[in-house]
Amino acid sequence: MARLRDPQNGCRWDRAQTFATIAPYTIEEAYEVHDAIERGDMAALKDELGDLLFQVVFHARMAEESDHFGFADVADAIVAKMEARHPHIFGDAPDEESSRDVRWERLKAEERASKGATSALDGIALALPALMRAEKLQKRAARVGFDWPDTDGPAAKVAEETAELASAATDEDRAEEAGDLLFAAVNLVRSYGIAPEDALRAANAKFERRFRAMEAMAAANEHPFAALTLDQQEALWQAVKASEADITP
């Protein structure tokens, strides 16, 4: 990385990069790691982990050039953090099995406080996907008691926000109410103990699978899918669903 960033003999593209320009690639590589895991492709996972590691090295090198920190400092920092968060492994603290999650969150809260945090919501990255960030905001709020005790409250909130979206009079109001509805939906899903990001990812995959199957059915009958009426497309959708039900164990 130092060779690539060399002012005289390095790569012109690598030399021109900054933390901000590289950040989108870092996010992309993390998603590609996740994709390889989802597909169970170990060869791809090896490659994608290398790509992600390269992103860490890239950022560390840029920081080193401006005398902030280097790669070794990054490694040392995560070692120190893991040791601090596992005092029962690396120290003499008892292994409080039943309260491990509580201890973990307490230690993380102490870390945030030591860095100047003043709110329970401090430290939640702005760049997270909106769905994931909504869940994290809600979980943080829940840890200090701001949460419904069951699913009834979140369900009623979804109904309320749905009605408010339907009655919104302007584009601006509709956009705001749409956001409120999505936020409420995350809270409802979370109240059932389901990770919203995982649930939506699975729903995306199911929709894509079924839509491609509909297209294949239409093509098999020599009918362009886009030329079908909505009723005909719906009939194909129901046929795909029925075929999936027939092969479900």
Protein backbone atom coordinates (compact mmCIF):
# COMPACT_ATOMS: atom_id res chain seq x y z
CA MET A 1 0.00 0.00 0.00
CA ALA A 2 2.90 2.33 0.74
CA ARG A 3 4.27 1.54 -2.72
CA LEU A 4 0.91 2.22 -4.36
CA ARG A 5 0.61 5.53 -2.50
CA ASP A 6 4.19 6.62 -3.18
CA PRO A 7 4.09 10.30 -4.33
CA GLN A 8 6.64 9.78 -7.11
CA ASN A 9 6.28 6.19 -8.32
CA GLY A 10 2.90 5.09 -7.02
CA CYS A 11 -0.40 4.50 -8.78
CA ARG A 12 -2.09 7.73 -9.85
CA TRP A 13 -5.54 6.45 -8.80
CA ASP A 14 -4.43 5.18 -5.39
CA ARG A 15 -2.55 8.41 -4.66
CA ALA A 16 -5.66 10.48 -5.42
CA GLN A 17 -7.91 8.68 -2.92
CA THR A 18 -9.07 10.01 0.44
CA PHE A 19 -10.95 8.46 3.37
CA ALA A 20 -14.20 9.78 1.89
CA THR A 21 -13.62 8.42 -1.61
CA ILE A 22 -12.58 5.00 -0.34
CA ALA A 23 -15.43 4.62 2.19
CA PRO A 24 -18.02 3.44 -0.40
CA TYR A 25 -15.63 0.70 -1.54
CA THR A 26 -15.14 -0.39 2.07
CA ILE A 27 -18.90 -0.73 2.51
CA GLU A 28 -19.22 -2.57 -0.80
CA GLU A 29 -16.51 -5.07 0.14
CA ALA A 30 -18.21 -5.79 3.47
CA TYR A 31 -21.42 -6.59 1.60
CA GLU A 32 -19.53 -8.85 -0.80
CA VAL A 33 -18.14 -10.76 2.18
CA HIS A 34 -21.71 -11.22 3.41
CA ASP A 35 -22.82 -12.33 -0.05
CA ALA A 36 -20.10 -15.00 -0.21
CA ILE A 37 -21.19 -16.30 3.20
CA GLU A 38 -24.85 -16.37 2.13
CA ARG A 39 -23.90 -18.41 -0.95
CA GLY A 40 -21.66 -20.73 1.08
CA ASP A 41 -18.81 -20.04 -1.35
CA MET A 42 -15.61 -20.48 0.65
CA ALA A 43 -13.32 -19.66 -2.28
CA ALA A 44 -15.17 -16.40 -2.83
CA LEU A 45 -15.15 -15.71 0.90
CA LYS A 46 -11.36 -16.01 0.96
CA ASP A 47 -11.09 -13.52 -1.90
CA GLU A 48 -13.63 -11.11 -0.45
CA LEU A 49 -11.99 -11.14 2.98
CA GLY A 50 -8.76 -10.21 1.24
CA ASP A 51 -10.52 -7.34 -0.51
CA LEU A 52 -11.96 -6.17 2.80
CA LEU A 53 -8.58 -6.43 4.49
CA PHE A 54 -7.12 -4.32 1.71
CA GLN A 55 -9.64 -1.61 2.58
CA VAL A 56 -8.46 -1.61 6.19
CA VAL A 57 -4.84 -1.40 5.02
CA PHE A 58 -5.75 1.42 2.63
CA HIS A 59 -7.35 3.54 5.36
CA ALA A 60 -4.55 2.80 7.80
CA ARG A 61 -1.92 3.82 5.27
CA MET A 62 -3.64 7.14 4.57
CA ALA A 63 -3.85 7.77 8.32
CA GLU A 64 -0.18 6.91 8.73
CA GLU A 65 0.78 9.38 6.01
CA SER A 66 -0.82 12.17 8.03
CA ASP A 67 0.74 10.93 11.31
CA HIS A 68 -2.56 9.86 12.89
CA PHE A 69 -2.06 6.09 13.26
CA GLY A 70 -0.85 3.05 11.36
CA PHE A 71 -2.01 -0.50 10.70
CA ALA A 72 -0.28 -1.80 13.85
CA ASP A 73 -2.20 0.77 15.90
CA VAL A 74 -5.47 -0.46 14.41
CA ALA A 75 -4.60 -4.04 15.36
CA ASP A 76 -3.49 -3.01 18.85
CA ALA A 77 -6.72 -1.06 19.39
CA ILE A 78 -8.99 -3.99 18.56
CA VAL A 79 -6.89 -6.31 20.72
CA ALA A 80 -7.25 -3.91 23.65
CA LYS A 81 -10.99 -3.59 23.03
CA MET A 82 -11.57 -7.35 22.91
CA GLU A 83 -9.54 -7.90 26.07
CA ALA A 84 -11.52 -5.18 27.87
CA ARG A 85 -14.83 -6.66 26.73
CA HIS A 86 -13.86 -10.19 27.80
CA PRO A 87 -12.52 -9.75 31.33
CA HIS A 88 -13.60 -13.30 32.16
CA ILE A 89 -11.31 -14.62 29.40
CA PHE A 90 -8.32 -12.30 29.57
CA GLY A 91 -8.61 -11.31 33.23
CA ASP A 92 -9.85 -12.54 36.59
CA ALA A 93 -13.52 -11.59 36.30
CA PRO A 94 -16.05 -14.40 36.89
CA ASP A 95 -17.84 -15.87 33.87
CA GLU A 96 -21.35 -14.50 34.45
CA GLU A 97 -23.04 -16.67 31.85
CA SER A 98 -26.59 -15.47 32.52
CA SER A 99 -25.70 -11.78 32.24
CA ARG A 100 -23.14 -11.88 29.42
CA ASP A 101 -25.22 -9.71 27.11
CA VAL A 102 -25.85 -7.23 29.91
CA ARG A 103 -22.14 -7.11 30.73
CA TRP A 104 -21.21 -6.68 27.06
CA GLU A 105 -23.61 -3.77 26.62
CA ARG A 106 -22.46 -2.20 29.90
CA LEU A 107 -18.84 -2.34 28.80
CA LYS A 108 -19.71 -0.85 25.42
CA ALA A 109 -21.67 1.93 27.14
CA GLU A 110 -18.66 2.64 29.36
CA GLU A 111 -16.47 2.85 26.27
CA ARG A 112 -18.85 5.32 24.65
CA ALA A 113 -19.00 7.40 27.81
CA SER A 114 -15.20 7.51 27.99
CA LYS A 115 -15.27 8.98 24.47
CA GLY A 116 -17.64 11.75 25.51
CA ALA A 117 -21.02 10.21 24.67
CA THR A 118 -23.93 12.03 26.29
CA SER A 119 -26.87 10.14 24.76
CA ALA A 120 -27.88 6.49 24.65
CA LEU A 121 -27.97 6.93 20.86
CA ASP A 122 -24.41 8.18 20.48
CA GLY A 123 -22.09 6.07 18.35
CA ILE A 124 -24.67 4.66 15.90
CA ALA A 125 -23.08 5.21 12.51
CA LEU A 126 -24.95 7.57 10.19
CA ALA A 127 -23.76 5.61 7.14
CA LEU A 128 -25.53 2.39 8.13
CA PRO A 129 -28.34 1.25 5.81
CA ALA A 130 -31.49 3.00 6.99
CA LEU A 131 -33.26 -0.22 7.97
CA MET A 132 -30.34 -1.42 10.05
CA ARG A 133 -29.87 1.99 11.67
CA ALA A 134 -33.57 2.15 12.60
CA GLU A 135 -33.23 -1.17 14.40
CA LYS A 136 -30.11 -0.03 16.24
CA LEU A 137 -31.73 3.24 17.30
CA GLN A 138 -34.73 1.34 18.65
CA LYS A 139 -32.58 -1.20 20.49
CA ARG A 140 -30.56 1.55 22.15
CA ALA A 141 -33.74 3.32 23.22
CA ALA A 142 -35.12 0.03 24.54
CA ARG A 143 -32.07 -0.48 26.77
CA VAL A 144 -33.03 2.61 28.74
CA GLY A 145 -36.68 1.57 28.98
CA PHE A 146 -38.19 3.33 25.97
CA ASP A 147 -39.97 0.37 24.39
CA TRP A 148 -43.33 -1.40 24.32
CA PRO A 149 -43.66 -4.47 26.54
CA ASP A 150 -45.29 -6.61 23.83
CA THR A 151 -46.27 -6.62 20.15
CA ASP A 152 -49.60 -4.82 20.64
CA GLY A 153 -48.09 -1.34 20.87
CA PRO A 154 -45.92 -1.64 17.74
CA ALA A 155 -48.81 -3.21 15.80
CA ALA A 156 -51.12 -0.33 16.71
CA LYS A 157 -48.41 2.14 15.71
CA VAL A 158 -48.10 0.53 12.26
CA ALA A 159 -51.88 0.86 11.80
CA GLU A 160 -51.73 4.47 12.94
CA GLU A 161 -48.88 5.36 10.58
CA THR A 162 -50.61 3.57 7.69
CA ALA A 163 -53.69 5.73 8.21
CA GLU A 164 -51.61 8.90 8.45
CA LEU A 165 -49.84 8.07 5.18
CA ALA A 166 -53.20 7.52 3.46
CA SER A 167 -54.49 10.88 4.70
CA ALA A 168 -51.34 12.92 4.00
CA ALA A 169 -52.19 15.87 1.76
CA THR A 170 -48.83 16.84 0.23
CA ASP A 171 -45.82 15.07 -1.23
CA GLU A 172 -43.73 16.33 1.68
CA ASP A 173 -46.20 15.01 4.23
CA ARG A 174 -46.45 11.66 2.41
CA ALA A 175 -42.67 11.29 2.41
CA GLU A 176 -42.54 12.00 6.14
CA GLU A 177 -45.39 9.62 6.93
CA ALA A 178 -43.83 6.92 4.74
CA GLY A 179 -40.67 7.17 6.82
CA ASP A 180 -42.68 6.95 10.02
CA LEU A 181 -44.47 3.86 8.68
CA LEU A 182 -41.22 2.12 7.78
CA PHE A 183 -39.73 2.98 11.19
CA ALA A 184 -42.84 1.60 12.91
CA ALA A 185 -42.66 -1.57 10.80
CA VAL A 186 -39.08 -2.13 11.93
CA ASN A 187 -40.22 -1.79 15.52
CA LEU A 188 -43.03 -4.30 15.03
CA VAL A 189 -40.75 -6.87 13.41
CA ARG A 190 -38.17 -6.33 16.14
CA SER A 191 -40.82 -6.89 18.82
CA TYR A 192 -41.20 -10.44 17.50
CA GLY A 193 -37.48 -11.04 17.99
CA ILE A 194 -36.79 -10.96 14.25
CA ALA A 195 -33.91 -9.01 12.70
CA PRO A 196 -35.58 -6.67 10.18
CA GLU A 197 -32.57 -6.64 7.84
CA ASP A 198 -32.53 -10.45 7.68
CA ALA A 199 -36.29 -10.61 7.19
CA LEU A 200 -36.27 -8.11 4.33
CA ARG A 201 -33.25 -9.76 2.74
CA ALA A 202 -35.14 -13.07 2.73
CA ALA A 203 -38.26 -11.37 1.32
CA ASN A 204 -36.16 -9.80 -1.45
CA ALA A 205 -34.72 -13.19 -2.35
CA LYS A 206 -38.17 -14.79 -2.36
CA PHE A 207 -39.63 -12.07 -4.58
CA GLU A 208 -36.72 -12.30 -7.00
CA ARG A 209 -36.99 -16.09 -7.17
CA ARG A 210 -40.73 -16.01 -7.81
CA PHE A 211 -40.54 -13.17 -10.33
CA ARG A 212 -37.87 -14.95 -12.35
CA ALA A 213 -40.02 -18.09 -12.28
CA MET A 214 -42.97 -16.12 -13.63
CA GLU A 215 -40.83 -14.77 -16.45
CA ALA A 216 -39.71 -18.32 -17.26
CA MET A 217 -43.30 -19.57 -17.33
CA ALA A 218 -44.33 -16.77 -19.65
CA ALA A 219 -41.36 -17.42 -21.93
CA ALA A 220 -42.15 -21.14 -22.03
CA ASN A 221 -45.59 -20.22 -23.44
CA GLU A 222 -43.96 -17.77 -25.85
CA HIS A 223 -45.60 -14.77 -24.17
CA PRO A 224 -43.45 -11.75 -23.26
CA PHE A 225 -44.06 -11.18 -19.56
CA ALA A 226 -44.45 -7.42 -19.97
CA ALA A 227 -47.21 -7.95 -22.54
CA LEU A 228 -49.42 -9.90 -20.13
CA THR A 229 -52.31 -8.24 -18.34
CA LEU A 230 -52.04 -7.73 -14.60
CA ASP A 231 -54.58 -10.55 -14.07
CA GLN A 232 -52.46 -12.89 -16.20
CA GLN A 233 -49.33 -11.93 -14.29
CA GLU A 234 -51.15 -12.49 -11.01
CA ALA A 235 -52.20 -15.93 -12.22
CA LEU A 236 -48.55 -16.77 -12.91
CA TRP A 237 -47.61 -15.48 -9.43
CA GLN A 238 -50.16 -17.77 -7.81
CA ALA A 239 -48.94 -20.68 -9.96
CA VAL A 240 -45.36 -20.10 -8.81
CA LYS A 241 -46.46 -19.95 -5.17
CA ALA A 242 -48.43 -23.17 -5.59
CA SER A 243 -45.47 -24.91 -7.20
CA GLU A 244 -43.23 -23.88 -4.31
CA ALA A 245 -45.78 -25.19 -1.81
CA ASP A 246 -45.84 -28.54 -3.62
CA ILE A 247 -42.07 -29.04 -3.20
CA THR A 248 -41.84 -27.76 0.37
CA PRO A 249 -40.98 -30.68 2.69
